[in-house]
Amino acid sequence: MSSDLIEKLGSSVVHHGQANDRVYLMKLAAADLPEIISNIDSLVAEHNYSKAFVKIPGCLQGLFEEGGYRVEAQVPDLFQDTEDGQAADDGLFMARYYQEERMIDGDAELVQKVIDAAGEKAAEHHEVKLPEVCELRLASPKHCNEMAELYRQTFASYPFPIHDPEYLSATMATNVLYAGIWTDSKLLALASAEIDHHNGNAEMTDFATDPEWRGNGLASLLLQHLEKELLPLDIKTGYTIARAPSYGMNICFAQNGYQFSGTLVNNTQISGSLESMNVWHKDLR
């Protein structure tokens, strides 16, 4: 299955396609308001998508509610410096559903159990040590082929083209930090931080671990390392959009001080099926 497109809609950035059957407004340009709402509607109608979701400043909640959107998650201080000079603002993930069945989460009971388990684990003492045979460091362009291979082994399909070494290299050269754990030159685990320098936030994402090494807390180690790398970059807010049915990833974020802030229903296609996603956030200051 091919990856969806990332392209401009006006001056804003959207991610859309049949793989995820949706439009995702990733970066809103203030100059596109309020027309961006009707422009998304037109894009949805053109391709018969069943969902649109947007990442916007909280001050625009009313405008998007008038356009048929509802809040699914809220991240405090996600927007530190808006283009029109306004003060810092919360970030909202809002959704509009164009087909009723897309609104119904068949795994809702499991998702709630995962959230409850993560909350319970967050209260426990959590310390993970890097195995002596392993080395943890930031990845460089020379690692992109083996990174893509680990992602191919982990995800049969993914919303972004992380299976492509050229894509990994291009994002590495712009705004994404990748951290990896190796042993005897073999890549065991990966994660990334996608940085929005303008707003002082970073999305912690793209976690993958070799099946033989799962259960060793490598995801936590990668997350902690990326947070340290972000400190000198003046990144104030970290957040993630984690697979809602995954006990491991949701517990990982809860144990590392992230707060649950909402579920994006039937939002993202991973390994061939749509999954709901949980949003978690943390003040990194």
Protein backbone atom coordinates (compact mmCIF):
# COMPACT_ATOMS: atom_id res chain seq x y z
CA MET A 1 0.00 0.00 0.00
CA SER A 2 1.47 3.35 -1.03
CA SER A 3 1.90 6.19 1.45
CA ASP A 4 -0.39 9.20 1.47
CA LEU A 5 0.70 12.57 0.12
CA ILE A 6 2.11 15.53 2.01
CA GLU A 7 1.31 18.71 0.10
CA LYS A 8 0.20 22.30 0.37
CA LEU A 9 -3.44 23.32 0.59
CA GLY A 10 -3.13 27.06 0.15
CA SER A 11 -0.17 27.86 2.38
CA SER A 12 -1.06 25.14 4.89
CA VAL A 13 0.37 21.59 4.95
CA VAL A 14 -1.91 18.58 4.71
CA HIS A 15 -1.37 14.81 4.65
CA HIS A 16 -4.04 12.89 2.78
CA GLY A 17 -4.72 9.75 0.75
CA GLN A 18 -6.58 6.47 0.50
CA ALA A 19 -4.22 4.60 2.84
CA ASN A 20 -5.55 6.51 5.87
CA ASP A 21 -8.81 7.51 4.16
CA ARG A 22 -8.58 11.01 5.59
CA VAL A 23 -7.18 14.52 5.45
CA TYR A 24 -4.80 15.59 8.24
CA LEU A 25 -4.14 19.32 8.57
CA MET A 26 -0.59 19.13 9.91
CA LYS A 27 0.35 22.80 9.79
CA LEU A 28 -2.17 25.61 9.51
CA ALA A 29 -1.17 28.91 7.92
CA ALA A 30 -3.17 31.77 9.44
CA ALA A 31 -3.55 33.34 5.98
CA ASP A 32 -5.74 30.37 4.94
CA LEU A 33 -8.43 31.11 7.53
CA PRO A 34 -11.36 30.66 7.39
CA GLU A 35 -11.33 29.18 3.88
CA ILE A 36 -9.22 26.22 4.96
CA ILE A 37 -12.34 24.56 6.42
CA SER A 38 -14.24 24.58 3.13
CA ASN A 39 -11.04 23.69 1.25
CA ILE A 40 -10.67 20.56 3.38
CA ASP A 41 -14.33 19.73 2.71
CA SER A 42 -13.66 20.00 -1.02
CA LEU A 43 -10.61 17.74 -0.77
CA VAL A 44 -12.63 15.19 1.20
CA ALA A 45 -15.43 15.27 -1.36
CA GLU A 46 -13.02 14.93 -4.28
CA HIS A 47 -11.55 11.70 -2.88
CA ASN A 48 -14.53 10.48 -0.84
CA TYR A 49 -12.56 10.38 2.41
CA SER A 50 -14.39 9.47 5.61
CA LYS A 51 -12.51 11.68 8.11
CA ALA A 52 -10.63 14.94 8.46
CA PHE A 53 -8.63 15.93 11.50
CA VAL A 54 -6.73 19.08 12.26
CA LYS A 55 -4.01 20.27 14.62
CA ILE A 56 -4.86 23.89 15.48
CA PRO A 57 -4.44 26.53 18.22
CA GLY A 58 -7.14 26.48 20.88
CA CYS A 59 -8.31 29.98 19.97
CA LEU A 60 -9.78 28.53 16.75
CA GLN A 61 -11.96 25.93 18.48
CA GLY A 62 -15.21 27.82 17.91
CA LEU A 63 -14.51 28.40 14.24
CA PHE A 64 -13.85 24.72 13.56
CA GLU A 65 -16.81 23.62 15.68
CA GLU A 66 -18.99 25.73 13.40
CA GLY A 67 -17.45 23.74 10.52
CA GLY A 68 -18.56 20.42 12.04
CA TYR A 69 -15.44 19.48 14.01
CA ARG A 70 -15.20 18.17 17.57
CA VAL A 71 -12.25 18.11 19.97
CA GLU A 72 -10.63 14.68 20.40
CA ALA A 73 -7.44 15.71 22.25
CA GLN A 74 -5.88 18.81 23.79
CA VAL A 75 -2.18 19.50 24.44
CA PRO A 76 -1.26 22.43 26.73
CA ASP A 77 1.16 25.02 25.31
CA LEU A 78 1.60 23.22 22.00
CA PHE A 79 1.73 26.55 20.19
CA GLN A 80 4.33 28.87 21.69
CA ASP A 81 4.58 31.51 18.98
CA THR A 82 1.82 31.90 16.39
CA GLU A 83 2.41 33.59 13.06
CA ASP A 84 0.14 36.53 13.88
CA GLY A 85 2.00 37.31 17.09
CA GLN A 86 -0.60 35.98 19.52
CA ALA A 87 0.36 34.55 22.89
CA ALA A 88 1.11 30.89 23.52
CA ASP A 89 -1.90 28.62 23.14
CA ASP A 90 -2.99 25.05 23.68
CA GLY A 91 -3.08 22.72 20.72
CA LEU A 92 -6.29 20.98 19.74
CA PHE A 93 -6.74 17.86 17.68
CA MET A 94 -10.22 18.16 16.20
CA ALA A 95 -12.03 15.74 13.90
CA ARG A 96 -14.91 15.77 11.47
CA TYR A 97 -16.46 12.49 10.33
CA TYR A 98 -18.06 12.20 6.92
CA GLN A 99 -19.21 8.59 7.40
CA GLU A 100 -20.91 7.52 10.62
CA GLU A 101 -19.16 4.15 10.84
CA ARG A 102 -15.78 5.87 11.04
CA MET A 103 -16.88 7.40 14.36
CA ILE A 104 -17.37 3.99 16.00
CA ASP A 105 -14.31 2.45 17.64
CA GLY A 106 -14.69 -1.31 17.67
CA ASP A 107 -11.79 -1.55 20.12
CA ALA A 108 -13.12 1.08 22.57
CA GLU A 109 -13.18 -1.36 25.49
CA LEU A 110 -9.59 -2.45 24.85
CA VAL A 111 -8.45 1.16 24.41
CA GLN A 112 -9.91 2.06 27.82
CA LYS A 113 -8.17 -0.92 29.43
CA VAL A 114 -4.86 0.24 27.93
CA ILE A 115 -5.38 3.79 29.25
CA ASP A 116 -6.26 2.45 32.72
CA ALA A 117 -3.22 0.16 32.75
CA ALA A 118 -0.94 2.99 31.70
CA GLY A 119 -2.28 5.17 34.50
CA GLU A 120 -1.62 2.44 37.05
CA LYS A 121 1.91 1.80 35.77
CA ALA A 122 2.72 5.53 35.84
CA ALA A 123 2.62 5.46 39.63
CA GLU A 124 5.21 2.67 39.85
CA HIS A 125 8.97 3.21 40.12
CA HIS A 126 10.42 2.93 36.65
CA GLU A 127 14.11 2.67 35.85
CA VAL A 128 15.60 1.07 32.78
CA LYS A 129 19.30 0.53 32.13
CA LEU A 130 20.92 0.12 28.76
CA PRO A 131 22.23 -3.45 28.36
CA GLU A 132 26.03 -3.50 28.51
CA VAL A 133 26.26 -4.95 25.01
CA CYS A 134 24.29 -2.03 23.55
CA GLU A 135 25.12 1.49 22.43
CA LEU A 136 22.58 4.33 22.23
CA ARG A 137 23.21 7.35 19.97
CA LEU A 138 21.67 9.60 17.36
CA ALA A 139 21.47 8.10 13.89
CA SER A 140 23.18 9.72 10.90
CA PRO A 141 22.52 9.55 7.13
CA LYS A 142 24.78 6.49 6.80
CA HIS A 143 22.27 4.54 8.91
CA CYS A 144 19.19 5.20 6.76
CA ASN A 145 19.25 1.87 4.90
CA GLU A 146 19.28 -0.20 8.09
CA MET A 147 16.72 2.13 9.67
CA ALA A 148 14.35 1.61 6.75
CA GLU A 149 14.87 -2.15 7.01
CA LEU A 150 13.94 -2.20 10.71
CA TYR A 151 10.82 -0.17 9.94
CA ARG A 152 9.91 -2.58 7.13
CA GLN A 153 10.25 -5.52 9.53
CA THR A 154 8.13 -3.77 12.17
CA PHE A 155 5.32 -2.22 10.11
CA ALA A 156 3.78 -3.82 7.03
CA SER A 157 2.46 -0.34 6.22
CA TYR A 158 2.71 3.04 7.90
CA PRO A 159 1.12 6.48 7.46
CA PHE A 160 4.44 8.05 6.42
CA PRO A 161 7.10 6.53 4.09
CA ILE A 162 9.57 5.50 6.79
CA HIS A 163 10.33 2.36 4.73
CA ASP A 164 12.17 4.62 2.27
CA PRO A 165 15.82 5.47 3.12
CA GLU A 166 15.60 8.66 1.04
CA TYR A 167 12.63 9.88 3.07
CA LEU A 168 14.50 9.19 6.32
CA SER A 169 17.56 11.03 5.03
CA ALA A 170 15.50 14.01 3.89
CA THR A 171 13.68 14.37 7.22
CA MET A 172 16.95 13.92 9.11
CA ALA A 173 18.37 16.86 7.16
CA THR A 174 15.49 19.14 8.09
CA ASN A 175 13.62 18.76 11.37
CA VAL A 176 13.76 15.16 12.65
CA LEU A 177 16.15 13.58 15.16
CA TYR A 178 16.44 9.80 15.04
CA ALA A 179 17.90 7.86 17.97
CA GLY A 180 18.94 4.24 17.73
CA ILE A 181 20.25 1.39 19.86
CA TRP A 182 22.86 -0.93 18.37
CA THR A 183 24.70 -4.07 19.40
CA ASP A 184 27.58 -5.52 17.36
CA SER A 185 26.67 -3.08 14.58
CA LYS A 186 23.09 -4.44 14.44
CA LEU A 187 20.29 -1.89 14.83
CA LEU A 188 17.90 -3.07 17.55
CA ALA A 189 15.56 -0.13 18.14
CA LEU A 190 14.64 3.28 16.74
CA ALA A 191 12.60 6.35 17.59
CA SER A 192 12.37 9.91 16.36
CA ALA A 193 11.55 13.45 17.46
CA GLU A 194 9.89 15.58 14.80
CA ILE A 195 10.66 19.16 15.78
CA ASP A 196 8.55 22.27 15.26
CA HIS A 197 11.13 24.95 16.09
CA HIS A 198 8.70 27.81 15.48
CA ASN A 199 6.29 26.60 18.16
CA GLY A 200 8.80 24.94 20.48
CA ASN A 201 7.29 21.44 20.36
CA ALA A 202 8.31 17.98 19.20
CA GLU A 203 6.34 14.88 18.31
CA MET A 204 7.96 11.73 19.70
CA THR A 205 7.20 9.03 17.16
CA ASP A 206 8.28 6.17 14.87
CA PHE A 207 9.19 3.72 17.67
CA ALA A 208 10.33 0.30 16.47
CA THR A 209 12.16 -2.54 18.25
CA ASP A 210 13.56 -5.80 16.93
CA PRO A 211 11.14 -8.55 18.13
CA GLU A 212 13.94 -10.43 19.90
CA TRP A 213 14.71 -7.35 22.03
CA ARG A 214 11.22 -6.30 23.02
CA GLY A 215 10.51 -6.18 26.74
CA ASN A 216 13.88 -4.65 27.61
CA GLY A 217 12.65 -1.06 27.94
CA LEU A 218 14.52 0.13 24.84
CA ALA A 219 11.66 2.45 23.86
CA SER A 220 11.94 4.24 27.21
CA LEU A 221 15.68 4.65 26.77
CA LEU A 222 15.20 6.11 23.30
CA LEU A 223 12.50 8.49 24.54
CA GLN A 224 14.69 9.71 27.40
CA HIS A 225 17.65 10.21 25.08
CA LEU A 226 15.62 12.23 22.59
CA GLU A 227 14.29 14.43 25.40
CA LYS A 228 17.88 15.21 26.46
CA GLU A 229 18.76 16.09 22.87
CA LEU A 230 15.82 18.51 22.75
CA LEU A 231 16.78 20.42 25.90
CA PRO A 232 19.33 22.78 24.28
CA LEU A 233 16.96 23.38 21.34
CA ASP A 234 14.41 25.28 23.48
CA ILE A 235 11.70 22.69 22.90
CA LYS A 236 9.08 23.17 25.60
CA THR A 237 6.41 20.59 24.83
CA GLY A 238 6.76 16.95 23.85
CA TYR A 239 3.80 14.92 22.63
CA THR A 240 3.02 11.67 20.90
CA ILE A 241 0.22 10.07 18.90
CA ALA A 242 0.50 6.45 20.07
CA ARG A 243 -1.36 3.36 18.88
CA ALA A 244 -4.31 3.20 21.28
CA PRO A 245 -4.48 -0.64 21.54
CA SER A 246 -0.75 -0.92 22.38
CA TYR A 247 -0.12 -1.57 26.06
CA GLY A 248 3.64 -1.23 25.62
CA MET A 249 3.81 2.22 24.02
CA ASN A 250 1.09 3.81 26.15
CA ILE A 251 2.71 2.50 29.33
CA CYS A 252 6.10 3.71 28.08
CA PHE A 253 4.86 7.29 27.80
CA ALA A 254 2.91 7.20 31.06
CA GLN A 255 5.95 5.93 32.97
CA ASN A 256 8.07 8.71 31.50
CA GLY A 257 5.85 11.49 32.78
CA TYR A 258 3.50 12.04 29.84
CA GLN A 259 -0.15 12.87 30.47
CA PHE A 260 -3.04 11.35 28.54
CA SER A 261 -5.05 13.97 26.65
CA GLY A 262 -7.49 12.17 24.35
CA THR A 263 -8.13 9.50 21.72
CA LEU A 264 -8.28 10.05 17.96
CA VAL A 265 -10.89 7.53 16.81
CA ASN A 266 -10.10 5.24 13.85
CA ASN A 267 -7.43 7.70 12.86
CA THR A 268 -4.38 6.02 11.39
CA GLN A 269 -3.72 3.05 9.13
CA ILE A 270 -0.87 0.92 10.44
CA SER A 271 -0.02 -2.55 9.13
CA GLY A 272 -3.15 -2.74 7.02
CA SER A 273 -5.94 -1.56 9.31
CA LEU A 274 -7.24 1.66 10.85
CA GLU A 275 -6.41 2.15 14.52
CA SER A 276 -7.40 4.71 17.11
CA MET A 277 -4.51 6.74 18.49
CA ASN A 278 -3.91 8.13 21.98
CA VAL A 279 -2.37 11.55 22.46
CA TRP A 280 0.06 12.04 25.36
CA HIS A 281 1.99 15.19 26.28
CA LYS A 282 4.75 16.39 28.62
CA ASP A 283 6.22 19.74 29.66
CA LEU A 284 9.91 19.31 28.85
CA ARG A 285 11.07 22.48 30.59
